[in-house]
Amino acid sequence: MALMKLALRNLLRNKRRTVITFVALVAGVGAMVAIKGFMIGQRRQILENQMKGTLGALQVHKKGYVENVLGSPLTLDFADTPELRARLAAVPGITAVSPRIEFGAQVSTPDKKPMPDDGSELPEADRGATSFLMMTAFDPALEKSVTPKRWDWIAWGRGEMLQRVELEQVVLNEDFAKGVDVPLWKSGTELPPIEQRLAILAPDRDASLNGVNVVMVGTLASATPNDRRIGVITLGAAQSLLRMEGRITEYGLGVVDGADFDQLRDTVQATLGDEFEVHTWEQRIPFVKDIVNTQDFVFGIVSSIFLFVVLLGVVNAMLMSVLERVREIGTMLAVGMRRRQIVTLFISEGVVLGLIGGTLGALLGFAWVAWAESEGLSIPSPGANVPSLLRPHVDVSFLVRAVFQATAGAALASLWPAWRASRLRPVEALAHT
């Protein structure tokens, strides 16, 4: 303790140099905390967009479905029964169950002009167009409990999507919808005639092509860069189109906040048996894990650079302190102070500098993160156009690690100047001018 007090007193000798080094430590540690908080906030944003806006926390499929998912295998379907839903809902931690069908389809727009009365062909410029897209069918009332953010991304033309088989409705990605060039069905307006509606064409389980006329009731904003060719349709309309009455290709499951996804997945799998397979949202989109690993790697490099630059300042400050105190060091050695005590003294000065600077930097960084988490930063995901608030966050454990790294780094940075000070010969040091 006596050495720590002496170390603090020595740091106050040259206040300007100490302040400059101290500010560098505060800025470096504060920046590390802020960057880490931003990264965690971005991860949360990705998680919410994918888990609460697209997939749901867990998905249940027929065994073998995911291996063949690129082919949208409608033959790997199963019966949607109240008993099966009840078994899933009874699993502790499961809050909602939503039946879905994923399938590839074509959307055909109506001709821009009626066919000529003389029987001639309609000019190509006036004909309707056909485009391919991936469709997701669900029960709106049930799906809203599994992916609530999806509803924040839909611009509705006529209220919310209605669950009525007799009125087939579709919501298309807003960028895709611009190319389709069909107006939304708005509240208070009459339904367009059949010939002016969109046509959804899709092969059923037996590869027979079927079609249904639909009304576009909304457009869906993009949450990720690669989801332009998508649309959603009511489950009843899709089952009628695909000749799959009472059957689905997956269940989306909602879970309680803070749940262990892997543990819940294993529990649901044990409940259903080998006939089904259960996946977490991370397993369905593994690129998110790659993004997280890349972020961790980049953060490691950036934090190392910050720490290295800051510690260079500590090394410089301690070397200058040694050069200024050569005669003093010689005097301490001459009166019997051991060389290891000299080393300990200078390392203690580095520890005090790192501990105070690291603590203040961590607190300032945490204050910014706490403010940003409370207010939210309007930063949409790259390539996305959905309104999204990024909320940075850091754990107390990271703050402790940041302070420890700053303190340990400053101690290590002081080691070489301390060793040089301990190697001085008392006679030569006392004669130093």
Protein backbone atom coordinates (compact mmCIF):
# COMPACT_ATOMS: atom_id res chain seq x y z
CA MET A 1 0.00 0.00 0.00
CA ALA A 2 2.92 2.32 0.78
CA LEU A 3 4.31 1.69 -2.71
CA MET A 4 0.90 2.47 -4.28
CA LYS A 5 0.75 5.79 -2.43
CA LEU A 6 4.30 6.59 -3.50
CA ALA A 7 3.43 5.59 -7.08
CA LEU A 8 0.44 7.94 -7.10
CA ARG A 9 2.58 10.79 -5.73
CA ASN A 10 5.21 10.19 -8.40
CA LEU A 11 2.56 10.33 -11.14
CA LEU A 12 1.52 13.76 -9.93
CA ARG A 13 5.03 15.16 -10.31
CA ASN A 14 4.64 15.78 -14.03
CA LYS A 15 0.94 16.51 -14.27
CA ARG A 16 0.93 17.35 -17.98
CA ARG A 17 2.49 14.07 -19.08
CA THR A 18 0.31 12.07 -16.70
CA VAL A 19 -2.85 13.81 -17.94
CA ILE A 20 -1.97 13.14 -21.59
CA THR A 21 -1.36 9.44 -20.89
CA PHE A 22 -4.45 9.28 -18.71
CA VAL A 23 -6.67 10.83 -21.43
CA ALA A 24 -5.31 8.33 -23.98
CA LEU A 25 -6.24 5.45 -21.67
CA VAL A 26 -9.71 6.85 -21.03
CA ALA A 27 -10.34 7.39 -24.75
CA GLY A 28 -9.04 3.94 -25.72
CA VAL A 29 -11.02 1.99 -23.13
CA GLY A 30 -14.12 4.13 -23.69
CA ALA A 31 -13.94 3.48 -27.44
CA MET A 32 -13.59 -0.27 -26.85
CA VAL A 33 -16.69 -0.32 -24.67
CA ALA A 34 -18.68 1.79 -27.16
CA ILE A 35 -17.69 -0.41 -30.12
CA LYS A 36 -18.55 -3.58 -28.20
CA GLY A 37 -21.92 -2.12 -27.22
CA PHE A 38 -22.62 -1.20 -30.85
CA MET A 39 -21.75 -4.73 -32.00
CA ILE A 40 -24.03 -6.35 -29.42
CA GLY A 41 -26.82 -3.98 -30.44
CA GLN A 42 -26.34 -4.96 -34.08
CA ARG A 43 -26.52 -8.64 -33.16
CA ARG A 44 -29.75 -8.02 -31.27
CA GLN A 45 -31.13 -6.24 -34.32
CA ILE A 46 -30.27 -9.18 -36.58
CA LEU A 47 -31.78 -11.60 -34.08
CA GLU A 48 -35.03 -9.64 -33.83
CA ASN A 49 -35.30 -9.25 -37.60
CA GLN A 50 -34.76 -12.94 -38.26
CA MET A 51 -36.37 -14.53 -35.21
CA LYS A 52 -39.27 -12.13 -34.59
CA GLY A 53 -39.76 -10.96 -38.15
CA THR A 54 -39.22 -13.93 -40.43
CA LEU A 55 -38.64 -17.39 -39.00
CA GLY A 56 -39.63 -17.60 -35.36
CA ALA A 57 -37.32 -18.99 -32.68
CA LEU A 58 -37.86 -22.65 -33.63
CA GLN A 59 -39.23 -24.46 -36.68
CA VAL A 60 -40.68 -27.97 -36.92
CA HIS A 61 -40.54 -29.93 -40.21
CA LYS A 62 -41.00 -33.43 -41.46
CA LYS A 63 -37.73 -35.33 -41.19
CA GLY A 64 -35.53 -34.64 -44.22
CA TYR A 65 -37.22 -31.35 -45.15
CA VAL A 66 -34.29 -29.02 -44.44
CA GLU A 67 -31.86 -31.16 -46.45
CA ASN A 68 -34.13 -30.68 -49.46
CA VAL A 69 -35.32 -27.16 -48.68
CA LEU A 70 -33.96 -25.67 -51.93
CA GLY A 71 -36.48 -27.78 -53.80
CA SER A 72 -39.38 -26.60 -51.58
CA PRO A 73 -40.48 -30.23 -51.08
CA LEU A 74 -44.25 -30.12 -50.72
CA THR A 75 -44.24 -33.91 -50.55
CA LEU A 76 -42.57 -33.67 -47.13
CA ASP A 77 -45.74 -32.25 -45.63
CA PHE A 78 -47.76 -33.41 -42.64
CA ALA A 79 -51.26 -33.07 -41.19
CA ASP A 80 -51.97 -29.95 -39.13
CA THR A 81 -54.04 -31.37 -36.29
CA PRO A 82 -55.29 -29.86 -33.02
CA GLU A 83 -53.60 -32.72 -31.16
CA LEU A 84 -50.19 -31.95 -32.67
CA ARG A 85 -50.54 -28.25 -31.92
CA ALA A 86 -51.53 -29.06 -28.34
CA ARG A 87 -48.44 -31.26 -27.86
CA LEU A 88 -46.20 -28.43 -29.03
CA ALA A 89 -47.99 -25.77 -26.98
CA ALA A 90 -47.66 -27.94 -23.86
CA VAL A 91 -43.84 -27.83 -23.97
CA PRO A 92 -42.63 -25.44 -21.22
CA GLY A 93 -41.22 -22.29 -22.84
CA ILE A 94 -43.31 -22.48 -26.04
CA THR A 95 -45.67 -19.51 -26.27
CA ALA A 96 -47.21 -19.87 -29.76
CA VAL A 97 -47.56 -22.33 -32.62
CA SER A 98 -48.13 -21.16 -36.20
CA PRO A 99 -48.74 -23.54 -39.16
CA ARG A 100 -47.08 -22.54 -42.45
CA ILE A 101 -46.43 -23.63 -46.00
CA GLU A 102 -43.31 -22.56 -47.92
CA PHE A 103 -43.51 -22.92 -51.69
CA GLY A 104 -42.21 -21.49 -54.94
CA ALA A 105 -44.69 -19.71 -57.18
CA GLN A 106 -45.19 -17.43 -60.15
CA VAL A 107 -47.11 -14.20 -60.03
CA SER A 108 -48.77 -13.04 -63.24
CA THR A 109 -50.06 -9.51 -63.69
CA PRO A 110 -53.22 -8.78 -65.68
CA ASP A 111 -53.01 -7.40 -69.20
CA LYS A 112 -52.86 -3.62 -69.31
CA LYS A 113 -55.47 -3.47 -72.05
CA PRO A 114 -58.38 -5.74 -73.08
CA MET A 115 -57.92 -8.11 -75.98
CA PRO A 116 -58.71 -6.53 -79.41
CA ASP A 117 -62.18 -7.28 -80.75
CA ASP A 118 -60.76 -8.31 -84.14
CA GLY A 119 -59.10 -11.37 -82.61
CA SER A 120 -55.55 -10.12 -83.15
CA GLU A 121 -52.90 -10.59 -80.50
CA LEU A 122 -52.35 -8.00 -77.83
CA PRO A 123 -49.06 -6.09 -78.28
CA GLU A 124 -46.33 -7.43 -76.00
CA ALA A 125 -45.99 -4.06 -74.25
CA ASP A 126 -49.62 -4.32 -73.10
CA ARG A 127 -49.44 -7.91 -71.93
CA GLY A 128 -49.11 -8.95 -68.32
CA ALA A 129 -45.79 -10.17 -66.94
CA THR A 130 -44.82 -13.27 -65.00
CA SER A 131 -42.22 -13.34 -62.22
CA PHE A 132 -41.00 -16.01 -59.82
CA LEU A 133 -40.95 -15.66 -56.04
CA MET A 134 -41.02 -17.60 -52.78
CA MET A 135 -44.32 -17.59 -50.91
CA THR A 136 -44.99 -18.13 -47.23
CA ALA A 137 -48.52 -19.06 -46.22
CA PHE A 138 -49.72 -18.73 -42.65
CA ASP A 139 -52.69 -18.09 -40.43
CA PRO A 140 -52.42 -14.34 -39.64
CA ALA A 141 -54.01 -14.67 -36.22
CA LEU A 142 -51.49 -17.32 -35.11
CA GLU A 143 -48.44 -16.02 -36.96
CA LYS A 144 -48.59 -12.63 -35.29
CA SER A 145 -47.64 -14.23 -31.97
CA VAL A 146 -44.58 -15.93 -33.50
CA THR A 147 -43.17 -13.17 -35.75
CA PRO A 148 -44.67 -9.89 -34.43
CA LYS A 149 -42.12 -7.65 -36.16
CA ARG A 150 -43.36 -8.79 -39.57
CA TRP A 151 -46.50 -6.75 -39.00
CA ASP A 152 -44.39 -3.61 -38.39
CA TRP A 153 -42.90 -4.01 -41.87
CA ILE A 154 -46.18 -4.28 -43.78
CA ALA A 155 -47.77 -1.21 -45.37
CA TRP A 156 -51.43 -2.15 -45.39
CA GLY A 157 -53.80 -1.10 -48.11
CA ARG A 158 -56.96 -2.41 -46.48
CA GLY A 159 -56.52 -2.90 -42.76
CA GLU A 160 -54.82 -6.13 -41.71
CA MET A 161 -54.77 -9.32 -43.71
CA LEU A 162 -58.11 -11.08 -43.29
CA GLN A 163 -58.39 -14.79 -42.77
CA ARG A 164 -60.99 -15.57 -45.40
CA VAL A 165 -60.65 -18.33 -47.97
CA GLU A 166 -63.29 -16.80 -50.20
CA LEU A 167 -61.13 -13.69 -50.60
CA GLU A 168 -57.58 -14.77 -51.38
CA GLN A 169 -55.13 -12.07 -50.33
CA VAL A 170 -51.42 -11.57 -50.83
CA VAL A 171 -48.70 -9.25 -49.50
CA LEU A 172 -45.65 -8.78 -51.74
CA ASN A 173 -42.23 -7.32 -51.07
CA GLU A 174 -42.49 -3.60 -51.78
CA ASP A 175 -39.59 -3.58 -54.29
CA PHE A 176 -41.04 -6.60 -56.06
CA ALA A 177 -44.50 -5.00 -56.00
CA LYS A 178 -43.20 -1.96 -57.90
CA GLY A 179 -42.40 -4.23 -60.83
CA VAL A 180 -45.80 -5.88 -60.60
CA ASP A 181 -47.46 -2.46 -60.85
CA VAL A 182 -50.83 -3.43 -59.35
CA PRO A 183 -52.47 -1.05 -56.88
CA LEU A 184 -53.29 -2.09 -53.32
CA TRP A 185 -56.85 -2.84 -52.47
CA LYS A 186 -57.68 0.04 -50.15
CA SER A 187 -60.34 0.38 -47.53
CA GLY A 188 -63.66 1.69 -48.82
CA THR A 189 -63.02 0.75 -52.44
CA GLU A 190 -64.70 -1.96 -54.46
CA LEU A 191 -62.92 -5.23 -55.14
CA PRO A 192 -61.29 -5.29 -58.58
CA PRO A 193 -62.87 -7.73 -61.06
CA ILE A 194 -61.24 -11.14 -61.44
CA GLU A 195 -59.54 -10.23 -64.70
CA GLN A 196 -57.76 -7.30 -63.03
CA ARG A 197 -56.38 -9.28 -60.10
CA LEU A 198 -53.00 -10.91 -59.74
CA ALA A 199 -52.74 -14.59 -60.55
CA ILE A 200 -50.61 -16.84 -58.35
CA LEU A 201 -49.49 -20.03 -60.14
CA ALA A 202 -47.77 -22.91 -58.36
CA PRO A 203 -47.27 -26.66 -58.83
CA ASP A 204 -49.00 -28.80 -56.21
CA ARG A 205 -47.69 -31.95 -54.50
CA ASP A 206 -48.21 -33.91 -57.73
CA ALA A 207 -46.43 -31.27 -59.88
CA SER A 208 -49.70 -30.17 -61.47
CA LEU A 209 -49.83 -26.42 -62.08
CA ASN A 210 -52.69 -24.62 -60.34
CA GLY A 211 -53.68 -20.98 -60.15
CA VAL A 212 -55.65 -18.61 -57.99
CA ASN A 213 -56.61 -14.96 -58.37
CA VAL A 214 -55.59 -12.81 -55.44
CA VAL A 215 -55.95 -9.25 -54.21
CA MET A 216 -52.82 -7.43 -53.04
CA VAL A 217 -53.66 -5.96 -49.63
CA GLY A 218 -50.20 -4.79 -48.54
CA THR A 219 -46.48 -4.51 -49.28
CA LEU A 220 -43.68 -5.91 -47.17
CA ALA A 221 -40.49 -3.95 -46.47
CA SER A 222 -37.11 -5.71 -46.73
CA ALA A 223 -35.41 -6.69 -43.48
CA THR A 224 -32.34 -8.25 -45.15
CA PRO A 225 -30.51 -7.58 -48.44
CA ASN A 226 -31.62 -10.78 -50.21
CA ASP A 227 -35.34 -11.04 -49.57
CA ARG A 228 -36.84 -9.11 -52.49
CA ARG A 229 -38.61 -11.95 -54.31
CA ILE A 230 -40.90 -12.96 -51.48
CA GLY A 231 -44.56 -12.74 -50.64
CA VAL A 232 -47.01 -13.93 -48.00
CA ILE A 233 -50.47 -15.38 -48.49
CA THR A 234 -53.22 -16.66 -46.23
CA LEU A 235 -52.90 -20.32 -45.27
CA GLY A 236 -56.37 -21.23 -46.53
CA ALA A 237 -55.68 -19.75 -49.97
CA ALA A 238 -52.36 -21.61 -50.24
CA GLN A 239 -53.90 -24.93 -49.17
CA SER A 240 -56.60 -24.50 -51.80
CA LEU A 241 -54.03 -23.57 -54.45
CA LEU A 242 -51.70 -26.47 -53.66
CA ARG A 243 -54.44 -29.05 -53.02
CA MET A 244 -53.15 -29.43 -49.45
CA GLU A 245 -56.28 -28.93 -47.37
CA GLY A 246 -55.44 -29.59 -43.72
CA ARG A 247 -51.74 -30.07 -44.43
CA ILE A 248 -48.64 -27.88 -43.94
CA THR A 249 -44.86 -28.02 -44.37
CA GLU A 250 -43.76 -26.48 -41.05
CA TYR A 251 -44.68 -25.03 -37.69
CA GLY A 252 -43.13 -21.79 -36.48
CA LEU A 253 -42.78 -21.68 -32.70
CA GLY A 254 -42.65 -18.64 -30.42
CA VAL A 255 -40.70 -18.94 -27.17
CA VAL A 256 -40.44 -17.05 -23.90
CA ASP A 257 -37.90 -14.23 -23.69
CA GLY A 258 -34.45 -15.35 -22.60
CA ALA A 259 -35.09 -19.00 -23.40
CA ASP A 260 -32.23 -21.38 -24.23
CA PHE A 261 -33.03 -22.18 -27.85
CA ASP A 262 -30.87 -25.30 -28.04
CA GLN A 263 -32.40 -26.78 -24.90
CA LEU A 264 -35.94 -26.00 -26.10
CA ARG A 265 -35.14 -27.53 -29.48
CA ASP A 266 -34.03 -30.77 -27.83
CA THR A 267 -37.14 -30.82 -25.63
CA VAL A 268 -39.47 -30.31 -28.61
CA GLN A 269 -37.58 -32.97 -30.58
CA ALA A 270 -37.99 -35.46 -27.73
CA THR A 271 -41.72 -34.63 -27.58
CA LEU A 272 -42.32 -35.20 -31.30
CA GLY A 273 -40.03 -38.17 -31.91
CA ASP A 274 -37.97 -39.16 -34.96
CA GLU A 275 -40.76 -38.46 -37.45
CA PHE A 276 -40.01 -34.73 -37.24
CA GLU A 277 -36.94 -32.49 -37.09
CA VAL A 278 -36.63 -29.30 -35.06
CA HIS A 279 -34.23 -26.44 -35.83
CA THR A 280 -33.38 -23.11 -34.26
CA TRP A 281 -33.46 -20.01 -36.41
CA GLU A 282 -29.64 -19.91 -36.32
CA GLN A 283 -29.47 -23.38 -37.87
CA ARG A 284 -31.77 -22.31 -40.69
CA ILE A 285 -29.66 -19.24 -41.51
CA PRO A 286 -26.07 -20.14 -40.54
CA PHE A 287 -24.66 -17.02 -42.22
CA VAL A 288 -25.69 -15.07 -39.10
CA LYS A 289 -23.20 -17.11 -37.05
CA ASP A 290 -20.54 -16.29 -39.64
CA ILE A 291 -21.38 -12.60 -39.25
CA VAL A 292 -21.01 -12.86 -35.47
CA ASN A 293 -17.66 -14.67 -35.78
CA THR A 294 -16.42 -12.04 -38.24
CA GLN A 295 -17.50 -9.25 -35.90
CA ASP A 296 -15.66 -10.87 -33.00
CA PHE A 297 -12.53 -11.23 -35.13
CA VAL A 298 -12.67 -7.61 -36.31
CA PHE A 299 -13.34 -6.38 -32.77
CA GLY A 300 -10.35 -8.33 -31.51
CA ILE A 301 -8.13 -6.63 -34.08
CA VAL A 302 -9.55 -3.15 -33.45
CA SER A 303 -9.36 -3.45 -29.66
CA SER A 304 -5.78 -4.76 -29.92
CA ILE A 305 -4.81 -1.75 -32.03
CA PHE A 306 -6.47 0.64 -29.57
CA LEU A 307 -4.73 -1.01 -26.63
CA PHE A 308 -1.36 -1.14 -28.40
CA VAL A 309 -1.43 2.57 -29.27
CA VAL A 310 -2.49 3.50 -25.74
CA LEU A 311 0.19 1.33 -24.15
CA LEU A 312 2.85 2.90 -26.36
CA GLY A 313 1.95 6.14 -24.61
CA VAL A 314 2.34 4.44 -21.24
CA VAL A 315 5.78 3.09 -22.23
CA ASN A 316 6.84 6.54 -23.40
CA ALA A 317 5.59 8.20 -20.20
CA MET A 318 7.34 5.68 -17.96
CA LEU A 319 10.62 5.93 -19.91
CA MET A 320 10.56 9.69 -19.58
CA SER A 321 9.91 9.29 -15.87
CA VAL A 322 12.94 7.00 -15.53
CA LEU A 323 15.20 9.43 -17.40
CA GLU A 324 14.05 12.34 -15.22
CA ARG A 325 14.61 10.41 -11.98
CA VAL A 326 17.99 8.78 -12.57
CA ARG A 327 19.63 10.51 -9.58
CA GLU A 328 16.63 9.71 -7.40
CA ILE A 329 16.82 6.03 -8.39
CA GLY A 330 20.54 6.04 -7.63
CA THR A 331 19.87 7.51 -4.19
CA MET A 332 17.23 4.83 -3.41
CA LEU A 333 19.64 2.10 -4.48
CA ALA A 334 22.45 3.67 -2.45
CA VAL A 335 20.43 3.72 0.79
CA GLY A 336 19.58 0.00 0.46
CA MET A 337 16.45 -0.22 -1.65
CA ARG A 338 16.46 -3.49 -3.57
CA ARG A 339 16.27 -3.64 -7.34
CA ARG A 340 13.02 -5.65 -7.25
CA GLN A 341 11.49 -2.86 -5.17
CA ILE A 342 12.49 -0.37 -7.88
CA VAL A 343 10.76 -2.61 -10.44
CA THR A 344 7.70 -2.89 -8.21
CA LEU A 345 7.55 0.90 -7.74
CA PHE A 346 7.48 1.68 -11.46
CA ILE A 347 5.07 -1.15 -12.23
CA SER A 348 2.83 0.20 -9.45
CA GLU A 349 2.82 3.58 -11.18
CA GLY A 350 1.65 1.86 -14.37
CA VAL A 351 -1.00 -0.09 -12.46
CA VAL A 352 -2.37 3.07 -10.83
CA LEU A 353 -2.44 4.83 -14.20
CA GLY A 354 -4.15 1.89 -15.93
CA LEU A 355 -6.63 1.24 -13.13
CA ILE A 356 -7.86 4.82 -12.83
CA GLY A 357 -7.80 5.53 -16.58
CA GLY A 358 -9.39 2.17 -17.45
CA THR A 359 -12.14 2.59 -14.86
CA LEU A 360 -13.04 6.10 -15.97
CA GLY A 361 -12.92 5.09 -19.65
CA ALA A 362 -15.16 2.08 -19.00
CA LEU A 363 -17.65 4.24 -17.08
CA LEU A 364 -17.76 6.89 -19.82
CA GLY A 365 -18.19 4.21 -22.52
CA PHE A 366 -20.92 2.55 -20.47
CA ALA A 367 -22.69 5.90 -20.00
CA TRP A 368 -22.80 6.41 -23.79
CA VAL A 369 -24.00 2.83 -24.35
CA ALA A 370 -26.72 3.22 -21.71
CA TRP A 371 -27.92 6.46 -23.31
CA ALA A 372 -27.90 4.94 -26.81
CA GLU A 373 -29.74 1.84 -25.55
CA SER A 374 -32.40 4.03 -23.99
CA GLU A 375 -32.84 6.36 -26.98
CA GLY A 376 -32.08 3.90 -29.79
CA LEU A 377 -30.03 4.58 -32.92
CA SER A 378 -31.89 4.61 -36.23
CA ILE A 379 -29.49 2.46 -38.25
CA PRO A 380 -31.17 -0.05 -40.62
CA SER A 381 -29.38 -3.24 -41.59
CA PRO A 382 -27.28 -2.98 -44.81
CA GLY A 383 -29.53 -3.45 -47.82
CA ALA A 384 -32.69 -3.25 -45.73
CA ASN A 385 -35.36 -0.57 -45.79
CA VAL A 386 -37.31 -1.38 -42.65
CA PRO A 387 -37.48 1.14 -39.81
CA SER A 388 -35.20 -0.24 -37.14
CA LEU A 389 -33.70 1.06 -33.90
CA LEU A 390 -30.31 -0.29 -32.91
CA ARG A 391 -29.91 -0.43 -29.14
CA PRO A 392 -26.28 -0.90 -28.00
CA HIS A 393 -25.68 -2.91 -24.85
CA VAL A 394 -22.74 -4.15 -22.75
CA ASP A 395 -22.63 -6.44 -19.75
CA VAL A 396 -20.93 -5.50 -16.50
CA SER A 397 -18.61 -8.47 -17.00
CA PHE A 398 -17.21 -6.84 -20.16
CA LEU A 399 -16.60 -3.59 -18.27
CA VAL A 400 -14.64 -5.52 -15.64
CA ARG A 401 -12.60 -7.23 -18.37
CA ALA A 402 -11.91 -3.89 -20.06
CA VAL A 403 -10.61 -2.37 -16.81
CA PHE A 404 -8.52 -5.47 -16.13
CA GLN A 405 -7.01 -5.37 -19.63
CA ALA A 406 -6.15 -1.69 -19.26
CA THR A 407 -4.58 -2.26 -15.85
CA ALA A 408 -2.66 -5.38 -16.86
CA GLY A 409 -1.58 -3.75 -20.12
CA ALA A 410 -0.29 -0.65 -18.34
CA ALA A 411 1.59 -2.87 -15.88
CA LEU A 412 3.20 -4.80 -18.75
CA ALA A 413 4.01 -1.56 -20.57
CA SER A 414 5.79 -0.36 -17.43
CA LEU A 415 7.85 -3.52 -17.12
CA TRP A 416 10.64 -2.55 -19.52
CA PRO A 417 11.13 1.00 -18.14
CA ALA A 418 11.04 -0.50 -14.62
CA TRP A 419 13.65 -3.07 -15.54
CA ARG A 420 15.90 -0.36 -17.03
CA ALA A 421 15.54 1.69 -13.85
CA SER A 422 16.51 -1.31 -11.69
CA ARG A 423 19.64 -1.95 -13.81
CA LEU A 424 21.15 1.48 -13.05
CA ARG A 425 24.40 1.50 -11.04
CA PRO A 426 24.12 3.70 -7.95
CA VAL A 427 27.44 5.49 -8.56
CA GLU A 428 26.67 6.26 -12.22
CA ALA A 429 23.09 7.26 -11.37
CA LEU A 430 24.23 9.71 -8.66
CA ALA A 431 26.72 11.24 -11.08
CA HIS A 432 24.05 11.71 -13.74
CA THR A 433 23.29 15.31 -14.63
